[in-house]
C-alpha atoms as a PDB file:
ATOM      1  CA  UNK A   1      83.987 -10.328 -79.828  1.00  0.00           C
ATOM      2  CA  UNK A   2      84.280 -13.440 -77.723  1.00  0.00           C
ATOM      3  CA  UNK A   3      82.386 -16.691 -78.257  1.00  0.00           C
ATOM      4  CA  UNK A   4      80.735 -16.466 -74.828  1.00  0.00           C
ATOM      5  CA  UNK A   5      76.955 -17.114 -74.780  1.00  0.00           C
ATOM      6  CA  UNK A   6      74.731 -14.156 -73.873  1.00  0.00           C
ATOM      7  CA  UNK A   7      73.787 -15.641 -70.498  1.00  0.00           C
ATOM      8  CA  UNK A   8      77.458 -16.062 -69.495  1.00  0.00           C
ATOM      9  CA  UNK A   9      79.578 -13.403 -67.846  1.00  0.00           C
ATOM     10  CA  UNK A  10      82.979 -13.218 -66.230  1.00  0.00           C
ATOM     11  CA  UNK A  11      83.281 -12.335 -62.551  1.00  0.00           C
ATOM     12  CA  UNK A  12      86.682 -11.017 -61.535  1.00  0.00           C
ATOM     13  CA  UNK A  13      87.861 -12.005 -58.052  1.00  0.00           C
ATOM     14  CA  UNK A  14      90.884 -10.721 -56.170  1.00  0.00           C
ATOM     15  CA  UNK A  15      92.136 -14.054 -54.879  1.00  0.00           C
ATOM     16  CA  UNK A  16      91.860 -17.750 -55.623  1.00  0.00           C
ATOM     17  CA  UNK A  17      90.568 -20.050 -54.291  1.00  0.00           C
ATOM     18  CA  UNK A  18      87.145 -18.615 -53.539  1.00  0.00           C
ATOM     19  CA  UNK A  19      84.367 -20.711 -52.017  1.00  0.00           C
ATOM     20  CA  UNK A  20      81.352 -21.534 -54.178  1.00  0.00           C
ATOM     21  CA  UNK A  21      78.842 -19.889 -51.821  1.00  0.00           C
ATOM     22  CA  UNK A  22      80.921 -16.689 -51.658  1.00  0.00           C
ATOM     23  CA  UNK A  23      81.265 -16.587 -55.436  1.00  0.00           C
ATOM     24  CA  UNK A  24      77.511 -16.953 -55.997  1.00  0.00           C
ATOM     25  CA  UNK A  25      76.838 -14.039 -53.656  1.00  0.00           C
ATOM     26  CA  UNK A  26      79.716 -11.945 -55.061  1.00  0.00           C
ATOM     27  CA  UNK A  27      78.550 -12.597 -58.620  1.00  0.00           C
ATOM     28  CA  UNK A  28      75.040 -11.389 -57.807  1.00  0.00           C
ATOM     29  CA  UNK A  29      73.206 -14.692 -58.298  1.00  0.00           C
ATOM     30  CA  UNK A  30      72.082 -14.604 -54.646  1.00  0.00           C
ATOM     31  CA  UNK A  31      71.233 -11.662 -52.409  1.00  0.00           C
ATOM     32  CA  UNK A  32      72.923 -13.182 -49.346  1.00  0.00           C
ATOM     33  CA  UNK A  33      75.307 -15.919 -48.312  1.00  0.00           C
ATOM     34  CA  UNK A  34      72.396 -17.809 -46.764  1.00  0.00           C
ATOM     35  CA  UNK A  35      70.462 -17.699 -50.008  1.00  0.00           C
ATOM     36  CA  UNK A  36      73.542 -18.923 -51.910  1.00  0.00           C
ATOM     37  CA  UNK A  37      73.947 -21.848 -49.492  1.00  0.00           C
ATOM     38  CA  UNK A  38      70.264 -22.716 -49.893  1.00  0.00           C
ATOM     39  CA  UNK A  39      70.563 -22.814 -53.708  1.00  0.00           C
ATOM     40  CA  UNK A  40      73.601 -25.100 -53.378  1.00  0.00           C
ATOM     41  CA  UNK A  41      71.972 -27.486 -50.880  1.00  0.00           C
ATOM     42  CA  UNK A  42      68.843 -27.704 -53.089  1.00  0.00           C
ATOM     43  CA  UNK A  43      71.004 -28.923 -55.985  1.00  0.00           C
ATOM     44  CA  UNK A  44      70.218 -25.826 -58.075  1.00  0.00           C
ATOM     45  CA  UNK A  45      73.877 -24.974 -58.759  1.00  0.00           C
ATOM     46  CA  UNK A  46      76.093 -26.522 -61.413  1.00  0.00           C
ATOM     47  CA  UNK A  47      79.876 -26.302 -61.385  1.00  0.00           C
ATOM     48  CA  UNK A  48      81.414 -26.957 -64.807  1.00  0.00           C
ATOM     49  CA  UNK A  49      78.222 -28.699 -65.930  1.00  0.00           C
ATOM     50  CA  UNK A  50      77.775 -30.963 -62.884  1.00  0.00           C
ATOM     51  CA  UNK A  51      75.456 -30.402 -59.913  1.00  0.00           C
ATOM     52  CA  UNK A  52      77.552 -29.267 -56.934  1.00  0.00           C
ATOM     53  CA  UNK A  53      76.269 -29.545 -53.345  1.00  0.00           C
ATOM     54  CA  UNK A  54      79.445 -28.621 -51.427  1.00  0.00           C
ATOM     55  CA  UNK A  55      78.874 -25.065 -50.161  1.00  0.00           C
ATOM     56  CA  UNK A  56      82.551 -24.512 -49.416  1.00  0.00           C
ATOM     57  CA  UNK A  57      83.837 -26.052 -52.659  1.00  0.00           C
ATOM     58  CA  UNK A  58      86.962 -24.154 -53.729  1.00  0.00           C
ATOM     59  CA  UNK A  59      86.810 -22.607 -57.202  1.00  0.00           C
ATOM     60  CA  UNK A  60      89.693 -22.012 -59.597  1.00  0.00           C
ATOM     61  CA  UNK A  61      90.200 -19.665 -62.542  1.00  0.00           C
ATOM     62  CA  UNK A  62      88.030 -20.736 -65.469  1.00  0.00           C
ATOM     63  CA  UNK A  63      85.434 -22.593 -63.399  1.00  0.00           C
ATOM     64  CA  UNK A  64      81.874 -22.096 -64.644  1.00  0.00           C
ATOM     65  CA  UNK A  65      79.051 -21.740 -62.104  1.00  0.00           C
ATOM     66  CA  UNK A  66      75.470 -21.959 -63.403  1.00  0.00           C
ATOM     67  CA  UNK A  67      72.304 -21.031 -61.493  1.00  0.00           C
ATOM     68  CA  UNK A  68      68.844 -20.227 -62.876  1.00  0.00           C
ATOM     69  CA  UNK A  69      70.106 -20.278 -66.473  1.00  0.00           C
ATOM     70  CA  UNK A  70      72.905 -17.782 -65.857  1.00  0.00           C
ATOM     71  CA  UNK A  71      76.554 -18.820 -65.978  1.00  0.00           C
ATOM     72  CA  UNK A  72      79.416 -17.025 -64.245  1.00  0.00           C
ATOM     73  CA  UNK A  73      83.054 -17.692 -65.110  1.00  0.00           C
ATOM     74  CA  UNK A  74      85.758 -17.231 -62.452  1.00  0.00           C
ATOM     75  CA  UNK A  75      88.508 -14.818 -63.501  1.00  0.00           C
ATOM     76  CA  UNK A  76      91.424 -13.476 -61.451  1.00  0.00           C
ATOM     77  CA  UNK A  77      92.091  -9.724 -61.264  1.00  0.00           C
END
């Protein structure tokens, strides 16, 4: 068993870097790219514990994206 909180899950991507807005959509936190961009511009998204407002911010393996109390961790396939 890992020490990952219940509201945290890994999302496996095929290539790095991936843009923040793409990752939010891919991880299922938003139903569309437009919705993901809206969440980011509203300041609703945290990257590694800090509010992130750059829609095209490049993510790396291990980055933690939090939205609406759910955290996704970037993992490479």
